[in-house]
N, C-alpha and C. Protein backbone atom coordinates (compact mmCIF):
# COMPACT_ATOMS: atom_id res chain seq x y z
N MET A 1 -70.88 50.66 32.84
CA MET A 1 -69.46 50.58 34.05
C MET A 1 -69.48 49.28 34.20
N HIS A 2 -68.34 48.26 34.44
CA HIS A 2 -68.14 47.03 34.89
C HIS A 2 -67.34 47.33 35.97
N PRO A 3 -67.26 46.16 36.76
CA PRO A 3 -66.55 46.28 38.06
C PRO A 3 -65.27 45.58 37.88
N HIS A 4 -64.33 45.33 38.68
CA HIS A 4 -62.74 45.51 38.44
C HIS A 4 -62.96 43.98 37.60
N LEU A 5 -62.22 43.79 36.56
CA LEU A 5 -62.41 42.75 35.65
C LEU A 5 -61.58 41.19 36.12
N HIS A 6 -60.12 41.58 36.60
CA HIS A 6 -59.52 40.65 37.22
C HIS A 6 -59.63 40.29 38.64
N THR A 7 -60.45 39.46 38.87
CA THR A 7 -61.20 39.10 40.45
C THR A 7 -61.37 37.66 40.39
N LYS A 8 -61.17 36.79 41.67
CA LYS A 8 -61.49 35.60 41.88
C LYS A 8 -63.08 35.17 40.97
N ASP A 9 -63.68 36.37 41.55
CA ASP A 9 -65.21 35.88 41.04
C ASP A 9 -65.37 36.15 39.16
N ASN A 10 -64.66 36.39 38.53
CA ASN A 10 -64.78 36.73 37.26
C ASN A 10 -63.50 35.66 36.38
N ILE A 11 -63.23 34.36 36.96
CA ILE A 11 -62.38 33.60 36.30
C ILE A 11 -62.85 33.30 35.25
N ALA A 12 -64.32 32.80 34.84
CA ALA A 12 -64.83 32.16 33.79
C ALA A 12 -65.07 33.19 32.48
N CYS A 13 -64.61 34.12 32.96
CA CYS A 13 -64.81 35.28 31.83
C CYS A 13 -63.57 35.77 31.70
N GLU A 14 -62.53 34.97 31.89
CA GLU A 14 -60.96 35.64 31.38
C GLU A 14 -60.75 35.80 29.87
N GLU A 15 -61.34 34.90 28.87
CA GLU A 15 -61.02 34.67 27.71
C GLU A 15 -61.50 36.04 27.02
N VAL A 16 -62.88 36.44 27.51
CA VAL A 16 -63.73 37.47 27.08
C VAL A 16 -63.09 38.65 27.43
N MET A 17 -62.30 38.81 28.67
CA MET A 17 -61.86 40.04 29.16
C MET A 17 -60.54 40.30 28.56
N THR A 18 -59.79 39.27 28.07
CA THR A 18 -58.46 39.41 27.36
C THR A 18 -58.52 40.02 26.14
N ALA A 19 -59.73 39.38 25.60
CA ALA A 19 -59.97 39.75 24.18
C ALA A 19 -60.44 41.54 23.97
N LEU A 20 -60.99 41.98 25.10
CA LEU A 20 -61.42 43.12 25.24
C LEU A 20 -60.29 44.13 25.55
N GLU A 21 -59.20 43.80 26.43
CA GLU A 21 -58.12 44.51 26.39
C GLU A 21 -57.28 44.31 25.14
N GLU A 22 -57.14 43.27 24.52
CA GLU A 22 -56.41 43.11 23.41
C GLU A 22 -56.94 44.49 22.21
N CYS A 23 -58.32 44.34 22.26
CA CYS A 23 -59.14 45.42 21.44
C CYS A 23 -58.92 46.77 21.83
N HIS A 24 -58.76 47.34 22.90
CA HIS A 24 -58.29 48.27 23.58
C HIS A 24 -57.02 48.77 23.46
N ALA A 25 -56.05 47.73 23.47
CA ALA A 25 -54.50 48.16 23.32
C ALA A 25 -54.26 48.19 21.76
N ARG A 26 -55.42 48.43 20.89
CA ARG A 26 -54.88 48.62 19.35
C ARG A 26 -54.89 50.32 19.36
N GLY A 27 -55.55 50.92 20.20
CA GLY A 27 -55.34 52.00 20.13
C GLY A 27 -56.77 53.08 20.54
N PHE A 28 -56.47 54.12 20.88
CA PHE A 28 -57.82 55.34 20.98
C PHE A 28 -58.76 55.08 19.88
N LEU A 29 -58.04 55.07 18.39
CA LEU A 29 -59.30 55.55 17.41
C LEU A 29 -60.11 54.36 17.09
N TRP A 30 -59.09 53.05 17.14
CA TRP A 30 -59.82 51.71 17.72
C TRP A 30 -60.79 51.74 18.38
N LYS A 31 -60.80 52.07 19.63
CA LYS A 31 -62.00 52.29 20.85
C LYS A 31 -63.12 53.04 20.11
N SER A 32 -62.68 54.39 19.56
CA SER A 32 -63.57 55.50 19.66
C SER A 32 -64.49 55.25 18.38
N MET A 33 -64.32 54.48 17.35
CA MET A 33 -64.87 54.10 16.51
C MET A 33 -65.86 52.91 16.66
N GLY A 34 -65.60 52.53 17.62
CA GLY A 34 -66.89 51.58 18.08
C GLY A 34 -66.39 50.29 17.67
N MET A 35 -65.31 49.63 17.37
CA MET A 35 -64.70 48.50 16.84
C MET A 35 -64.54 47.61 18.20
N CYS A 36 -64.52 47.98 19.51
CA CYS A 36 -64.38 47.09 20.48
C CYS A 36 -66.09 46.66 21.16
N ASN A 37 -66.86 47.29 20.57
CA ASN A 37 -68.42 47.28 21.41
C ASN A 37 -68.59 45.87 21.72
N ASP A 38 -68.19 44.96 20.25
CA ASP A 38 -68.85 43.49 20.38
C ASP A 38 -68.11 42.70 21.68
N ALA A 39 -66.92 43.14 21.69
CA ALA A 39 -65.85 42.51 23.08
C ALA A 39 -66.78 42.99 23.96
N LYS A 40 -67.02 44.45 24.43
CA LYS A 40 -67.46 44.88 25.56
C LYS A 40 -69.00 44.25 26.16
N ASP A 41 -69.77 43.85 24.65
CA ASP A 41 -71.14 43.38 24.92
C ASP A 41 -70.63 41.73 25.62
N LYS A 42 -69.57 40.98 24.81
CA LYS A 42 -69.57 39.78 25.48
C LYS A 42 -69.18 40.12 26.82
N VAL A 43 -68.15 41.02 27.47
CA VAL A 43 -67.61 41.04 28.65
C VAL A 43 -69.18 41.20 29.65
N THR A 44 -69.87 42.02 29.27
CA THR A 44 -70.75 42.66 30.12
C THR A 44 -71.96 41.12 30.24
N LEU A 45 -72.16 40.67 29.11
CA LEU A 45 -73.09 39.31 29.28
C LEU A 45 -72.54 38.19 30.35
N CYS A 46 -71.26 38.18 29.93
CA CYS A 46 -70.75 37.09 30.82
C CYS A 46 -70.34 37.45 32.37
N LEU A 47 -70.04 39.08 32.61
CA LEU A 47 -70.28 39.16 34.15
C LEU A 47 -71.53 39.47 34.80
N ARG A 48 -72.50 39.69 33.92
CA ARG A 48 -74.00 39.38 34.17
C ARG A 48 -74.09 38.03 34.62
N ALA A 49 -73.87 36.89 33.72
CA ALA A 49 -74.22 35.45 33.93
C ALA A 49 -73.44 34.95 35.47
N GLU A 50 -72.12 35.75 35.52
CA GLU A 50 -71.50 35.45 36.79
C GLU A 50 -72.13 35.81 38.22
N ARG A 51 -72.50 37.10 38.01
CA ARG A 51 -73.07 37.95 38.94
C ARG A 51 -74.62 37.19 39.44
N LEU A 52 -75.15 36.68 38.28
CA LEU A 52 -76.40 36.12 38.65
C LEU A 52 -76.24 34.55 39.50
N LYS A 53 -75.04 34.08 39.06
CA LYS A 53 -74.66 32.78 39.71
C LYS A 53 -74.60 32.77 41.35
N ARG A 54 -73.62 33.92 41.42
CA ARG A 54 -73.36 34.52 42.43
C ARG A 54 -74.44 34.94 43.53
N SER A 55 -75.14 35.37 42.96
CA SER A 55 -76.62 35.92 43.90
C SER A 55 -77.12 34.57 44.05
N ALA A 56 -77.60 33.97 43.08
CA ALA A 56 -78.49 32.31 43.30
C ALA A 56 -77.46 31.94 44.65
N LYS A 57 -76.26 31.52 44.42
CA LYS A 57 -75.89 30.94 45.75
C LYS A 57 -76.00 31.72 46.95
N ASN A 58 -75.53 33.09 47.17
CA ASN A 58 -75.87 33.76 47.86
C ASN A 58 -77.16 33.67 48.72
N ARG A 59 -78.12 33.64 47.62
CA ARG A 59 -79.58 33.67 48.17
C ARG A 59 -79.91 32.39 48.75
N GLU A 60 -79.53 31.29 48.45
CA GLU A 60 -79.69 29.96 48.82
C GLU A 60 -78.86 29.94 50.32
N ALA A 61 -77.73 30.51 50.42
CA ALA A 61 -77.03 30.36 51.68
C ALA A 61 -77.71 31.16 52.62
N ALA A 62 -78.28 32.34 52.19
CA ALA A 62 -79.09 33.17 53.19
C ALA A 62 -80.34 32.39 53.71
N LYS A 63 -80.90 31.92 52.71
CA LYS A 63 -82.23 31.01 52.98
C LYS A 63 -81.95 29.89 54.37
N ALA A 64 -80.90 29.07 53.76
CA ALA A 64 -80.65 27.95 54.65
C ALA A 64 -80.20 28.67 56.08
N LYS A 65 -79.62 29.87 56.12
CA LYS A 65 -79.50 30.59 57.68
C LYS A 65 -80.29 31.06 58.18
N ARG A 66 -81.59 31.74 57.54
CA ARG A 66 -82.62 31.93 58.07
C ARG A 66 -83.66 30.81 58.79
N GLU A 67 -83.47 29.90 57.78
CA GLU A 67 -84.21 28.30 58.20
C GLU A 67 -83.68 28.02 59.81
N LYS A 68 -82.05 28.07 59.72
CA LYS A 68 -81.23 27.44 60.84
C LYS A 68 -81.61 28.47 62.00
N ILE A 69 -81.98 29.47 61.78
CA ILE A 69 -82.12 30.57 62.96
C ILE A 69 -83.65 30.39 63.41
N LYS A 70 -84.59 30.40 62.60
CA LYS A 70 -85.97 30.00 62.80
C LYS A 70 -85.89 28.97 63.54
N GLN A 71 -85.28 27.83 63.23
CA GLN A 71 -85.46 26.66 63.91
C GLN A 71 -84.79 26.76 65.56
N ALA A 72 -83.93 27.41 65.38
CA ALA A 72 -83.31 27.66 67.09
C ALA A 72 -84.13 28.36 67.72
N TRP A 73 -84.71 29.46 67.40
CA TRP A 73 -85.72 30.18 68.02
C TRP A 73 -87.03 29.56 68.40
N ALA A 74 -87.41 28.31 67.39
CA ALA A 74 -88.50 27.58 67.81
C ALA A 74 -87.95 26.72 68.98
N GLU A 75 -86.94 26.17 69.04
CA GLU A 75 -86.27 25.21 70.10
C GLU A 75 -86.46 26.08 71.28
N ILE A 76 -85.77 27.38 71.54
CA ILE A 76 -85.75 28.05 72.81
C ILE A 76 -87.20 28.81 73.14
N ASP A 77 -87.97 28.72 72.23
CA ASP A 77 -89.47 29.00 72.42
C ASP A 77 -90.16 27.62 73.25
N GLN A 78 -89.79 26.71 72.37
CA GLN A 78 -90.35 25.43 73.20
C GLN A 78 -89.81 24.96 74.40
N ASN A 79 -88.56 25.39 74.95
CA ASN A 79 -88.03 25.01 75.96
C ASN A 79 -88.21 25.83 77.06
N SER A 80 -88.96 27.14 76.78
CA SER A 80 -88.83 28.28 77.63
C SER A 80 -90.21 28.06 78.31
């Protein structure tokens, strides 16, 4: 299962998602016979890559924030 596809975080995967939607639009039989599996795999890989980028960015932001807080507490301890 994947998250909502058309969000601001998934703009880089737009082409792959459109291909999957076009495949699904071909009908139930097309999907049920596994004809869309390749497109689905590409969407999954693309979404995973985007998620990993967001995670790395968030991790770096959290690390910077922790360092800033650590410095603030060190300053408070030093001035007390």
